[in-house]
């Protein structure tokens, strides 16, 4: 990164609203992060260890959980440390790395949700072609693209932002994000705006694709009792996760670009961390509770673990 200004550190001013609640927020943060690790790792292991769950839909769910762990690792450790610190700064390189991780996490989430919508569309609307259209090779290619494309998009964003000359170092958030850095620029940001809007439009296209898929799914599901059952079991959790991720991201993106400075800092902080708090916890819980195969397998594993513990204690 070749930045022409002499910025070495950025100051995260969002922590000004947390001064009186440090201990409470730190405890809640650690609890939240532990919950994220527990539910996501549990679901990943359940799918990985059971051959019957090695199907496209469950592999996509597994990737959704892996992405949740990846994204939250870029936020929670630094956030917890800053809550106990009197100085809330982050290095220039660390700031760019953090927003790269958080942005790729959000865009990979949408990519995987789009793949899951396509998978359900093929399973319900074109069941005879399912094993051809969702073969092991094609599934591997789609998963690879769902990670590679977002990473390439964000490499482009980081590259453009790193070239800006900055006239400030105060970021009014709890973590680094691209638009907050772009607003500090002394030079024109037209290219950044165009590329940013293009990427936003690209992922809005993902949402449109998912909506169109579900229009076809609903039409197909209404034709038979079996179709309605399959839709309820596998598509409802996907819709809940999509709503969860879209609402959280929409809050953050819209406020970052068009939000009013009159909104209290505590409210801004809450809106900003929604994308890093709600989806990573709720996604695995939703899939773990609603998808029958995963739920049954997790209950079986818990019962086996409980029996092993009792046997060990008796010994």
C-alpha atoms as a PDB file:
ATOM      1  CA  UNK A   1       0.000   0.000   0.000  1.00  0.00           C
ATOM      2  CA  UNK A   2       1.466   3.327  -1.073  1.00  0.00           C
ATOM      3  CA  UNK A   3      -0.293   6.061   0.850  1.00  0.00           C
ATOM      4  CA  UNK A   4       1.050   9.590   0.344  1.00  0.00           C
ATOM      5  CA  UNK A   5       0.083  10.855   3.811  1.00  0.00           C
ATOM      6  CA  UNK A   6       2.013  10.142   6.981  1.00  0.00           C
ATOM      7  CA  UNK A   7      -0.768   8.425   8.914  1.00  0.00           C
ATOM      8  CA  UNK A   8       0.687   5.712  11.154  1.00  0.00           C
ATOM      9  CA  UNK A   9      -2.264   5.089  13.487  1.00  0.00           C
ATOM     10  CA  UNK A  10      -6.016   5.623  13.364  1.00  0.00           C
ATOM     11  CA  UNK A  11      -8.034   6.568  16.458  1.00  0.00           C
ATOM     12  CA  UNK A  12     -11.338   4.746  16.963  1.00  0.00           C
ATOM     13  CA  UNK A  13     -13.576   7.388  18.535  1.00  0.00           C
ATOM     14  CA  UNK A  14     -16.588   5.079  18.817  1.00  0.00           C
ATOM     15  CA  UNK A  15     -15.248   3.880  22.172  1.00  0.00           C
ATOM     16  CA  UNK A  16     -16.034   7.261  23.749  1.00  0.00           C
ATOM     17  CA  UNK A  17     -19.556   5.979  24.444  1.00  0.00           C
ATOM     18  CA  UNK A  18     -18.330   2.814  26.208  1.00  0.00           C
ATOM     19  CA  UNK A  19     -16.283   4.419  29.013  1.00  0.00           C
ATOM     20  CA  UNK A  20     -18.865   3.928  31.771  1.00  0.00           C
ATOM     21  CA  UNK A  21     -19.713   0.331  30.845  1.00  0.00           C
ATOM     22  CA  UNK A  22     -16.300  -1.214  30.134  1.00  0.00           C
ATOM     23  CA  UNK A  23     -16.521  -4.200  32.477  1.00  0.00           C
ATOM     24  CA  UNK A  24     -20.086  -5.065  31.464  1.00  0.00           C
ATOM     25  CA  UNK A  25     -19.381  -4.726  27.748  1.00  0.00           C
ATOM     26  CA  UNK A  26     -16.172  -6.725  28.043  1.00  0.00           C
ATOM     27  CA  UNK A  27     -18.020  -9.568  29.816  1.00  0.00           C
ATOM     28  CA  UNK A  28     -20.805  -9.552  27.219  1.00  0.00           C
ATOM     29  CA  UNK A  29     -18.249  -9.445  24.381  1.00  0.00           C
ATOM     30  CA  UNK A  30     -16.339 -12.466  25.714  1.00  0.00           C
ATOM     31  CA  UNK A  31     -19.618 -14.323  26.298  1.00  0.00           C
ATOM     32  CA  UNK A  32     -20.861 -13.474  22.796  1.00  0.00           C
ATOM     33  CA  UNK A  33     -17.595 -14.523  21.139  1.00  0.00           C
ATOM     34  CA  UNK A  34     -17.509 -17.799  23.089  1.00  0.00           C
ATOM     35  CA  UNK A  35     -21.095 -18.485  21.988  1.00  0.00           C
ATOM     36  CA  UNK A  36     -20.130 -17.787  18.352  1.00  0.00           C
ATOM     37  CA  UNK A  37     -17.165 -20.154  18.591  1.00  0.00           C
ATOM     38  CA  UNK A  38     -19.242 -22.858  20.303  1.00  0.00           C
ATOM     39  CA  UNK A  39     -22.249 -22.937  17.947  1.00  0.00           C
ATOM     40  CA  UNK A  40     -20.242 -22.563  14.743  1.00  0.00           C
ATOM     41  CA  UNK A  41     -17.572 -25.131  15.632  1.00  0.00           C
ATOM     42  CA  UNK A  42     -20.292 -27.542  16.808  1.00  0.00           C
ATOM     43  CA  UNK A  43     -22.129 -27.283  13.490  1.00  0.00           C
ATOM     44  CA  UNK A  44     -18.913 -27.551  11.434  1.00  0.00           C
ATOM     45  CA  UNK A  45     -17.840 -30.712  13.297  1.00  0.00           C
ATOM     46  CA  UNK A  46     -21.321 -32.229  13.060  1.00  0.00           C
ATOM     47  CA  UNK A  47     -21.333 -31.837   9.279  1.00  0.00           C
ATOM     48  CA  UNK A  48     -17.673 -32.809   8.811  1.00  0.00           C
ATOM     49  CA  UNK A  49     -17.908 -36.002  10.897  1.00  0.00           C
ATOM     50  CA  UNK A  50     -21.145 -37.342   9.397  1.00  0.00           C
ATOM     51  CA  UNK A  51     -20.904 -38.802   5.874  1.00  0.00           C
ATOM     52  CA  UNK A  52     -24.688 -38.496   5.477  1.00  0.00           C
ATOM     53  CA  UNK A  53     -24.352 -34.704   5.708  1.00  0.00           C
ATOM     54  CA  UNK A  54     -21.789 -34.461   2.909  1.00  0.00           C
ATOM     55  CA  UNK A  55     -24.369 -33.005   0.521  1.00  0.00           C
ATOM     56  CA  UNK A  56     -24.236 -29.582  -1.225  1.00  0.00           C
ATOM     57  CA  UNK A  57     -26.725 -27.884   1.084  1.00  0.00           C
ATOM     58  CA  UNK A  58     -24.926 -28.960   4.257  1.00  0.00           C
ATOM     59  CA  UNK A  59     -21.528 -28.137   2.756  1.00  0.00           C
ATOM     60  CA  UNK A  60     -22.824 -24.611   2.086  1.00  0.00           C
ATOM     61  CA  UNK A  61     -24.030 -24.367   5.702  1.00  0.00           C
ATOM     62  CA  UNK A  62     -20.577 -25.512   6.849  1.00  0.00           C
ATOM     63  CA  UNK A  63     -18.931 -22.778   4.750  1.00  0.00           C
ATOM     64  CA  UNK A  64     -21.349 -20.224   6.198  1.00  0.00           C
ATOM     65  CA  UNK A  65     -20.146 -21.186   9.692  1.00  0.00           C
ATOM     66  CA  UNK A  66     -16.460 -21.125   8.676  1.00  0.00           C
ATOM     67  CA  UNK A  67     -17.012 -17.645   7.259  1.00  0.00           C
ATOM     68  CA  UNK A  68     -18.669 -16.574  10.517  1.00  0.00           C
ATOM     69  CA  UNK A  69     -15.575 -17.656  12.460  1.00  0.00           C
ATOM     70  CA  UNK A  70     -13.323 -15.856   9.964  1.00  0.00           C
ATOM     71  CA  UNK A  71     -15.228 -12.562  10.117  1.00  0.00           C
ATOM     72  CA  UNK A  72     -15.618 -12.409  13.881  1.00  0.00           C
ATOM     73  CA  UNK A  73     -11.901 -13.195  14.367  1.00  0.00           C
ATOM     74  CA  UNK A  74     -11.202  -9.862  12.658  1.00  0.00           C
ATOM     75  CA  UNK A  75     -13.320  -7.948  15.164  1.00  0.00           C
ATOM     76  CA  UNK A  76     -13.852  -9.500  18.610  1.00  0.00           C
ATOM     77  CA  UNK A  77     -10.255  -9.935  19.899  1.00  0.00           C
ATOM     78  CA  UNK A  78      -9.343  -6.314  19.034  1.00  0.00           C
ATOM     79  CA  UNK A  79     -12.690  -5.022  20.309  1.00  0.00           C
ATOM     80  CA  UNK A  80     -12.303  -6.833  23.661  1.00  0.00           C
ATOM     81  CA  UNK A  81      -8.760  -5.498  24.046  1.00  0.00           C
ATOM     82  CA  UNK A  82      -9.877  -1.929  23.291  1.00  0.00           C
ATOM     83  CA  UNK A  83     -12.661  -2.109  25.884  1.00  0.00           C
ATOM     84  CA  UNK A  84     -10.016  -2.565  28.603  1.00  0.00           C
ATOM     85  CA  UNK A  85      -7.594  -0.030  27.137  1.00  0.00           C
ATOM     86  CA  UNK A  86      -7.459   3.718  27.690  1.00  0.00           C
ATOM     87  CA  UNK A  87      -6.046   4.323  24.208  1.00  0.00           C
ATOM     88  CA  UNK A  88      -8.164   3.181  21.281  1.00  0.00           C
ATOM     89  CA  UNK A  89      -5.863   3.168  18.283  1.00  0.00           C
ATOM     90  CA  UNK A  90      -5.098   0.780  15.445  1.00  0.00           C
ATOM     91  CA  UNK A  91      -2.125   0.772  13.098  1.00  0.00           C
ATOM     92  CA  UNK A  92      -2.488   1.843   9.470  1.00  0.00           C
ATOM     93  CA  UNK A  93      -1.841  -1.714   8.228  1.00  0.00           C
ATOM     94  CA  UNK A  94      -4.013  -3.231  10.971  1.00  0.00           C
ATOM     95  CA  UNK A  95      -6.900  -0.940  10.025  1.00  0.00           C
ATOM     96  CA  UNK A  96      -6.809  -1.987   6.372  1.00  0.00           C
ATOM     97  CA  UNK A  97      -6.489  -5.643   7.360  1.00  0.00           C
ATOM     98  CA  UNK A  98      -9.478  -5.376   9.685  1.00  0.00           C
ATOM     99  CA  UNK A  99     -11.808  -3.807   7.163  1.00  0.00           C
ATOM    100  CA  UNK A 100     -10.626  -6.274   4.510  1.00  0.00           C
ATOM    101  CA  UNK A 101     -11.560  -9.201   6.785  1.00  0.00           C
ATOM    102  CA  UNK A 102     -14.930  -7.697   7.773  1.00  0.00           C
ATOM    103  CA  UNK A 103     -15.865  -6.763   4.194  1.00  0.00           C
ATOM    104  CA  UNK A 104     -14.871 -10.145   2.758  1.00  0.00           C
ATOM    105  CA  UNK A 105     -16.824 -11.834   5.543  1.00  0.00           C
ATOM    106  CA  UNK A 106     -19.985  -9.884   4.625  1.00  0.00           C
ATOM    107  CA  UNK A 107     -19.671 -10.445   0.863  1.00  0.00           C
ATOM    108  CA  UNK A 108     -18.789 -14.143   1.200  1.00  0.00           C
ATOM    109  CA  UNK A 109     -21.929 -14.502   3.341  1.00  0.00           C
ATOM    110  CA  UNK A 110     -24.088 -13.166   0.495  1.00  0.00           C
ATOM    111  CA  UNK A 111     -22.295 -15.364  -2.046  1.00  0.00           C
ATOM    112  CA  UNK A 112     -22.940 -18.506   0.007  1.00  0.00           C
ATOM    113  CA  UNK A 113     -26.578 -17.541   0.614  1.00  0.00           C
ATOM    114  CA  UNK A 114     -26.999 -17.110  -3.167  1.00  0.00           C
ATOM    115  CA  UNK A 115     -25.521 -20.587  -3.727  1.00  0.00           C
ATOM    116  CA  UNK A 116     -27.909 -22.023  -1.151  1.00  0.00           C
ATOM    117  CA  UNK A 117     -30.856 -20.417  -2.945  1.00  0.00           C
ATOM    118  CA  UNK A 118     -29.681 -21.942  -6.242  1.00  0.00           C
ATOM    119  CA  UNK A 119     -29.256 -25.337  -4.570  1.00  0.00           C
ATOM    120  CA  UNK A 120     -32.808 -25.252  -3.186  1.00  0.00           C
ATOM    121  CA  UNK A 121     -34.167 -24.080  -6.556  1.00  0.00           C
ATOM    122  CA  UNK A 122     -32.565 -27.061  -8.328  1.00  0.00           C
ATOM    123  CA  UNK A 123     -33.626 -29.519  -5.582  1.00  0.00           C
ATOM    124  CA  UNK A 124     -37.289 -28.473  -5.624  1.00  0.00           C
ATOM    125  CA  UNK A 125     -37.907 -27.180  -9.167  1.00  0.00           C
ATOM    126  CA  UNK A 126     -35.575 -29.529 -11.110  1.00  0.00           C
ATOM    127  CA  UNK A 127     -35.163 -32.595  -8.866  1.00  0.00           C
ATOM    128  CA  UNK A 128     -34.347 -35.029 -11.721  1.00  0.00           C
ATOM    129  CA  UNK A 129     -31.348 -32.897 -12.728  1.00  0.00           C
ATOM    130  CA  UNK A 130     -30.125 -32.230  -9.176  1.00  0.00           C
ATOM    131  CA  UNK A 131     -27.209 -34.678  -9.106  1.00  0.00           C
ATOM    132  CA  UNK A 132     -26.012 -33.427 -12.504  1.00  0.00           C
ATOM    133  CA  UNK A 133     -26.314 -29.713 -11.771  1.00  0.00           C
ATOM    134  CA  UNK A 134     -24.993 -30.040  -8.221  1.00  0.00           C
ATOM    135  CA  UNK A 135     -22.254 -32.625  -8.761  1.00  0.00           C
ATOM    136  CA  UNK A 136     -19.255 -32.773  -6.438  1.00  0.00           C
ATOM    137  CA  UNK A 137     -17.042 -31.020  -8.997  1.00  0.00           C
ATOM    138  CA  UNK A 138     -19.546 -28.243  -9.700  1.00  0.00           C
ATOM    139  CA  UNK A 139     -20.209 -27.744  -5.972  1.00  0.00           C
ATOM    140  CA  UNK A 140     -16.459 -27.385  -5.346  1.00  0.00           C
ATOM    141  CA  UNK A 141     -16.178 -24.798  -8.157  1.00  0.00           C
ATOM    142  CA  UNK A 142     -19.157 -22.790  -6.858  1.00  0.00           C
ATOM    143  CA  UNK A 143     -17.798 -22.767  -3.296  1.00  0.00           C
ATOM    144  CA  UNK A 144     -14.359 -21.677  -4.540  1.00  0.00           C
ATOM    145  CA  UNK A 145     -15.911 -18.815  -6.517  1.00  0.00           C
ATOM    146  CA  UNK A 146     -17.987 -17.752  -3.495  1.00  0.00           C
ATOM    147  CA  UNK A 147     -14.701 -17.086  -1.668  1.00  0.00           C
ATOM    148  CA  UNK A 148     -12.415 -15.957  -4.496  1.00  0.00           C
ATOM    149  CA  UNK A 149     -14.711 -13.309  -6.063  1.00  0.00           C
ATOM    150  CA  UNK A 150     -15.361 -11.414  -2.774  1.00  0.00           C
ATOM    151  CA  UNK A 151     -11.636 -11.525  -1.957  1.00  0.00           C
ATOM    152  CA  UNK A 152     -10.756 -10.061  -5.367  1.00  0.00           C
ATOM    153  CA  UNK A 153     -13.399  -7.339  -4.976  1.00  0.00           C
ATOM    154  CA  UNK A 154     -12.046  -6.305  -1.591  1.00  0.00           C
ATOM    155  CA  UNK A 155      -8.411  -6.423  -2.779  1.00  0.00           C
ATOM    156  CA  UNK A 156      -9.477  -3.827  -5.373  1.00  0.00           C
ATOM    157  CA  UNK A 157     -11.192  -1.720  -2.678  1.00  0.00           C
ATOM    158  CA  UNK A 158      -8.138  -1.868  -0.378  1.00  0.00           C
ATOM    159  CA  UNK A 159      -5.825  -0.991  -3.252  1.00  0.00           C
ATOM    160  CA  UNK A 160      -7.839   2.104  -4.217  1.00  0.00           C
ATOM    161  CA  UNK A 161      -8.282   3.339  -0.631  1.00  0.00           C
ATOM    162  CA  UNK A 162      -4.590   2.849   0.197  1.00  0.00           C
ATOM    163  CA  UNK A 163      -3.652   5.298  -2.574  1.00  0.00           C
ATOM    164  CA  UNK A 164      -5.652   8.174  -1.075  1.00  0.00           C
ATOM    165  CA  UNK A 165      -3.925  11.029   0.697  1.00  0.00           C
ATOM    166  CA  UNK A 166      -5.544  11.302   4.129  1.00  0.00           C
ATOM    167  CA  UNK A 167      -6.019  14.512   6.107  1.00  0.00           C
ATOM    168  CA  UNK A 168      -7.230  12.937   9.335  1.00  0.00           C
ATOM    169  CA  UNK A 169      -6.924   9.845  11.459  1.00  0.00           C
ATOM    170  CA  UNK A 170     -10.121   9.764  13.526  1.00  0.00           C
ATOM    171  CA  UNK A 171     -12.593   6.997  12.643  1.00  0.00           C
ATOM    172  CA  UNK A 172     -15.977   7.407  14.322  1.00  0.00           C
ATOM    173  CA  UNK A 173     -16.629   3.688  14.765  1.00  0.00           C
ATOM    174  CA  UNK A 174     -15.623   0.734  16.919  1.00  0.00           C
ATOM    175  CA  UNK A 175     -13.674  -0.812  14.061  1.00  0.00           C
ATOM    176  CA  UNK A 176     -12.150   0.163  10.739  1.00  0.00           C
ATOM    177  CA  UNK A 177     -14.300   0.250   7.634  1.00  0.00           C
ATOM    178  CA  UNK A 178     -13.608   1.536   4.153  1.00  0.00           C
ATOM    179  CA  UNK A 179     -16.035   4.427   3.907  1.00  0.00           C
ATOM    180  CA  UNK A 180     -14.819   5.946   7.188  1.00  0.00           C
ATOM    181  CA  UNK A 181     -11.272   6.011   5.766  1.00  0.00           C
ATOM    182  CA  UNK A 182     -12.392   7.366   2.380  1.00  0.00           C
ATOM    183  CA  UNK A 183     -14.136  10.284   4.152  1.00  0.00           C
ATOM    184  CA  UNK A 184     -10.744  11.296   5.610  1.00  0.00           C
ATOM    185  CA  UNK A 185      -9.261  11.814   2.129  1.00  0.00           C
ATOM    186  CA  UNK A 186      -7.965  15.204   0.980  1.00  0.00           C
ATOM    187  CA  UNK A 187      -8.094  14.206  -2.704  1.00  0.00           C
ATOM    188  CA  UNK A 188     -10.937  13.195  -5.007  1.00  0.00           C
ATOM    189  CA  UNK A 189     -12.656   9.924  -4.163  1.00  0.00           C
ATOM    190  CA  UNK A 190     -14.700   9.565  -7.362  1.00  0.00           C
ATOM    191  CA  UNK A 191     -13.058   6.271  -8.342  1.00  0.00           C
ATOM    192  CA  UNK A 192     -13.621   4.856  -4.851  1.00  0.00           C
ATOM    193  CA  UNK A 193     -17.283   5.881  -4.998  1.00  0.00           C
ATOM    194  CA  UNK A 194     -17.824   4.288  -8.422  1.00  0.00           C
ATOM    195  CA  UNK A 195     -16.098   1.018  -7.463  1.00  0.00           C
ATOM    196  CA  UNK A 196     -17.917   0.945  -4.104  1.00  0.00           C
ATOM    197  CA  UNK A 197     -21.323   1.454  -5.739  1.00  0.00           C
ATOM    198  CA  UNK A 198     -20.495  -1.188  -8.359  1.00  0.00           C
ATOM    199  CA  UNK A 199     -19.674  -3.764  -5.656  1.00  0.00           C
ATOM    200  CA  UNK A 200     -22.796  -2.837  -3.672  1.00  0.00           C
ATOM    201  CA  UNK A 201     -24.877  -3.220  -6.855  1.00  0.00           C
ATOM    202  CA  UNK A 202     -23.199  -6.556  -7.586  1.00  0.00           C
ATOM    203  CA  UNK A 203     -24.223  -7.943  -4.200  1.00  0.00           C
ATOM    204  CA  UNK A 204     -27.674  -6.371  -4.441  1.00  0.00           C
ATOM    205  CA  UNK A 205     -27.865  -8.519  -7.582  1.00  0.00           C
ATOM    206  CA  UNK A 206     -27.224 -11.528  -5.334  1.00  0.00           C
ATOM    207  CA  UNK A 207     -30.237 -10.546  -3.215  1.00  0.00           C
ATOM    208  CA  UNK A 208     -32.368 -10.108  -6.362  1.00  0.00           C
ATOM    209  CA  UNK A 209     -31.231 -13.543  -7.581  1.00  0.00           C
ATOM    210  CA  UNK A 210     -32.223 -15.080  -4.236  1.00  0.00           C
ATOM    211  CA  UNK A 211     -35.646 -13.386  -4.345  1.00  0.00           C
ATOM    212  CA  UNK A 212     -36.268 -14.619  -7.911  1.00  0.00           C
ATOM    213  CA  UNK A 213     -35.214 -18.140  -6.896  1.00  0.00           C
ATOM    214  CA  UNK A 214     -37.700 -18.107  -4.062  1.00  0.00           C
ATOM    215  CA  UNK A 215     -40.524 -16.888  -6.275  1.00  0.00           C
ATOM    216  CA  UNK A 216     -39.998 -20.050  -8.370  1.00  0.00           C
ATOM    217  CA  UNK A 217     -39.616 -22.140  -5.212  1.00  0.00           C
ATOM    218  CA  UNK A 218     -42.894 -20.941  -3.724  1.00  0.00           C
ATOM    219  CA  UNK A 219     -44.735 -21.632  -6.997  1.00  0.00           C
ATOM    220  CA  UNK A 220     -43.271 -25.142  -7.149  1.00  0.00           C
ATOM    221  CA  UNK A 221     -43.880 -25.842  -3.447  1.00  0.00           C
ATOM    222  CA  UNK A 222     -47.591 -24.973  -3.660  1.00  0.00           C
ATOM    223  CA  UNK A 223     -48.161 -27.683  -6.262  1.00  0.00           C
ATOM    224  CA  UNK A 224     -47.695 -30.636  -3.911  1.00  0.00           C
ATOM    225  CA  UNK A 225     -47.712 -31.598  -0.242  1.00  0.00           C
ATOM    226  CA  UNK A 226     -44.172 -33.018  -0.554  1.00  0.00           C
ATOM    227  CA  UNK A 227     -42.978 -29.748  -2.108  1.00  0.00           C
ATOM    228  CA  UNK A 228     -44.455 -27.709   0.745  1.00  0.00           C
ATOM    229  CA  UNK A 229     -42.798 -30.000   3.292  1.00  0.00           C
ATOM    230  CA  UNK A 230     -39.389 -29.738   1.601  1.00  0.00           C
ATOM    231  CA  UNK A 231     -39.756 -25.946   1.307  1.00  0.00           C
ATOM    232  CA  UNK A 232     -40.604 -25.591   5.008  1.00  0.00           C
ATOM    233  CA  UNK A 233     -37.754 -27.823   6.174  1.00  0.00           C
ATOM    234  CA  UNK A 234     -34.912 -26.458   4.040  1.00  0.00           C
ATOM    235  CA  UNK A 235     -35.910 -23.035   2.695  1.00  0.00           C
ATOM    236  CA  UNK A 236     -37.389 -21.334   5.764  1.00  0.00           C
ATOM    237  CA  UNK A 237     -34.050 -21.370   7.656  1.00  0.00           C
ATOM    238  CA  UNK A 238     -32.338 -19.979   4.583  1.00  0.00           C
ATOM    239  CA  UNK A 239     -34.850 -17.117   4.358  1.00  0.00           C
ATOM    240  CA  UNK A 240     -34.391 -16.343   8.052  1.00  0.00           C
ATOM    241  CA  UNK A 241     -30.598 -16.218   7.619  1.00  0.00           C
ATOM    242  CA  UNK A 242     -30.920 -14.015   4.527  1.00  0.00           C
ATOM    243  CA  UNK A 243     -33.184 -11.590   6.397  1.00  0.00           C
ATOM    244  CA  UNK A 244     -30.773 -11.615   9.333  1.00  0.00           C
ATOM    245  CA  UNK A 245     -27.676 -10.822   7.228  1.00  0.00           C
ATOM    246  CA  UNK A 246     -29.390  -8.319   4.875  1.00  0.00           C
ATOM    247  CA  UNK A 247     -30.955  -6.283   7.685  1.00  0.00           C
ATOM    248  CA  UNK A 248     -27.692  -6.130   9.646  1.00  0.00           C
ATOM    249  CA  UNK A 249     -25.606  -5.128   6.612  1.00  0.00           C
ATOM    250  CA  UNK A 250     -28.174  -2.628   5.324  1.00  0.00           C
ATOM    251  CA  UNK A 251     -28.140  -0.786   8.660  1.00  0.00           C
ATOM    252  CA  UNK A 252     -24.354  -0.478   8.580  1.00  0.00           C
ATOM    253  CA  UNK A 253     -23.889   0.450   4.909  1.00  0.00           C
ATOM    254  CA  UNK A 254     -26.730   3.002   4.791  1.00  0.00           C
ATOM    255  CA  UNK A 255     -25.644   4.710   7.995  1.00  0.00           C
ATOM    256  CA  UNK A 256     -21.962   4.789   6.987  1.00  0.00           C
ATOM    257  CA  UNK A 257     -22.824   6.648   3.771  1.00  0.00           C
ATOM    258  CA  UNK A 258     -25.922   8.658   4.626  1.00  0.00           C
ATOM    259  CA  UNK A 259     -26.320   8.622   8.422  1.00  0.00           C
ATOM    260  CA  UNK A 260     -26.770  11.765  10.491  1.00  0.00           C
ATOM    261  CA  UNK A 261     -24.109  12.908  12.955  1.00  0.00           C
ATOM    262  CA  UNK A 262     -26.923  13.787  15.395  1.00  0.00           C
ATOM    263  CA  UNK A 263     -27.571  10.086  16.110  1.00  0.00           C
ATOM    264  CA  UNK A 264     -26.119   9.183  19.559  1.00  0.00           C
ATOM    265  CA  UNK A 265     -22.762   7.369  19.437  1.00  0.00           C
ATOM    266  CA  UNK A 266     -24.170   4.426  21.424  1.00  0.00           C
ATOM    267  CA  UNK A 267     -26.893   3.896  18.790  1.00  0.00           C
ATOM    268  CA  UNK A 268     -24.322   4.128  15.984  1.00  0.00           C
ATOM    269  CA  UNK A 269     -22.142   1.566  17.760  1.00  0.00           C
ATOM    270  CA  UNK A 270     -25.043  -0.844  18.158  1.00  0.00           C
ATOM    271  CA  UNK A 271     -25.987  -0.529  14.484  1.00  0.00           C
ATOM    272  CA  UNK A 272     -22.368  -1.012  13.404  1.00  0.00           C
ATOM    273  CA  UNK A 273     -21.799  -4.317  15.205  1.00  0.00           C
ATOM    274  CA  UNK A 274     -25.072  -5.977  14.138  1.00  0.00           C
ATOM    275  CA  UNK A 275     -23.428  -7.664  11.127  1.00  0.00           C
ATOM    276  CA  UNK A 276     -20.715  -9.094  13.419  1.00  0.00           C
ATOM    277  CA  UNK A 277     -22.996 -10.152  16.238  1.00  0.00           C
ATOM    278  CA  UNK A 278     -26.357 -11.453  15.003  1.00  0.00           C
ATOM    279  CA  UNK A 279     -25.589 -13.551  11.856  1.00  0.00           C
ATOM    280  CA  UNK A 280     -22.632 -15.533  13.333  1.00  0.00           C
ATOM    281  CA  UNK A 281     -24.763 -16.572  16.327  1.00  0.00           C
ATOM    282  CA  UNK A 282     -28.182 -16.977  14.721  1.00  0.00           C
ATOM    283  CA  UNK A 283     -27.197 -18.703  11.450  1.00  0.00           C
ATOM    284  CA  UNK A 284     -25.877 -21.935  13.045  1.00  0.00           C
ATOM    285  CA  UNK A 285     -28.680 -21.923  15.630  1.00  0.00           C
ATOM    286  CA  UNK A 286     -31.338 -21.553  12.914  1.00  0.00           C
ATOM    287  CA  UNK A 287     -29.874 -24.339  10.784  1.00  0.00           C
ATOM    288  CA  UNK A 288     -29.127 -26.538  13.778  1.00  0.00           C
ATOM    289  CA  UNK A 289     -32.687 -26.308  15.088  1.00  0.00           C
ATOM    290  CA  UNK A 290     -34.716 -26.403  11.875  1.00  0.00           C
ATOM    291  CA  UNK A 291     -32.830 -28.760   9.526  1.00  0.00           C
ATOM    292  CA  UNK A 292     -33.910 -32.231  10.656  1.00  0.00           C
ATOM    293  CA  UNK A 293     -30.746 -34.135   9.701  1.00  0.00           C
ATOM    294  CA  UNK A 294     -28.438 -31.692  11.491  1.00  0.00           C
ATOM    295  CA  UNK A 295     -30.689 -31.463  14.551  1.00  0.00           C
ATOM    296  CA  UNK A 296     -30.952 -35.243  14.918  1.00  0.00           C
ATOM    297  CA  UNK A 297     -27.218 -35.730  14.431  1.00  0.00           C
ATOM    298  CA  UNK A 298     -26.358 -33.043  16.992  1.00  0.00           C
ATOM    299  CA  UNK A 299     -28.760 -34.574  19.537  1.00  0.00           C
ATOM    300  CA  UNK A 300     -27.185 -37.989  18.944  1.00  0.00           C
ATOM    301  CA  UNK A 301     -23.666 -36.601  19.417  1.00  0.00           C
ATOM    302  CA  UNK A 302     -24.700 -34.788  22.618  1.00  0.00           C
ATOM    303  CA  UNK A 303     -26.261 -37.973  24.018  1.00  0.00           C
ATOM    304  CA  UNK A 304     -23.140 -39.977  23.153  1.00  0.00           C
ATOM    305  CA  UNK A 305     -20.911 -37.356  24.806  1.00  0.00           C
ATOM    306  CA  UNK A 306     -23.131 -37.366  27.906  1.00  0.00           C
ATOM    307  CA  UNK A 307     -22.992 -41.164  28.168  1.00  0.00           C
ATOM    308  CA  UNK A 308     -19.207 -41.147  27.760  1.00  0.00           C
ATOM    309  CA  UNK A 309     -18.888 -38.580  30.548  1.00  0.00           C
ATOM    310  CA  UNK A 310     -21.063 -40.662  32.887  1.00  0.00           C
ATOM    311  CA  UNK A 311     -19.056 -43.795  32.076  1.00  0.00           C
ATOM    312  CA  UNK A 312     -15.783 -41.943  32.751  1.00  0.00           C
ATOM    313  CA  UNK A 313     -17.086 -40.621  36.095  1.00  0.00           C
ATOM    314  CA  UNK A 314     -18.127 -44.134  37.175  1.00  0.00           C
ATOM    315  CA  UNK A 315     -14.638 -45.428  36.354  1.00  0.00           C
END
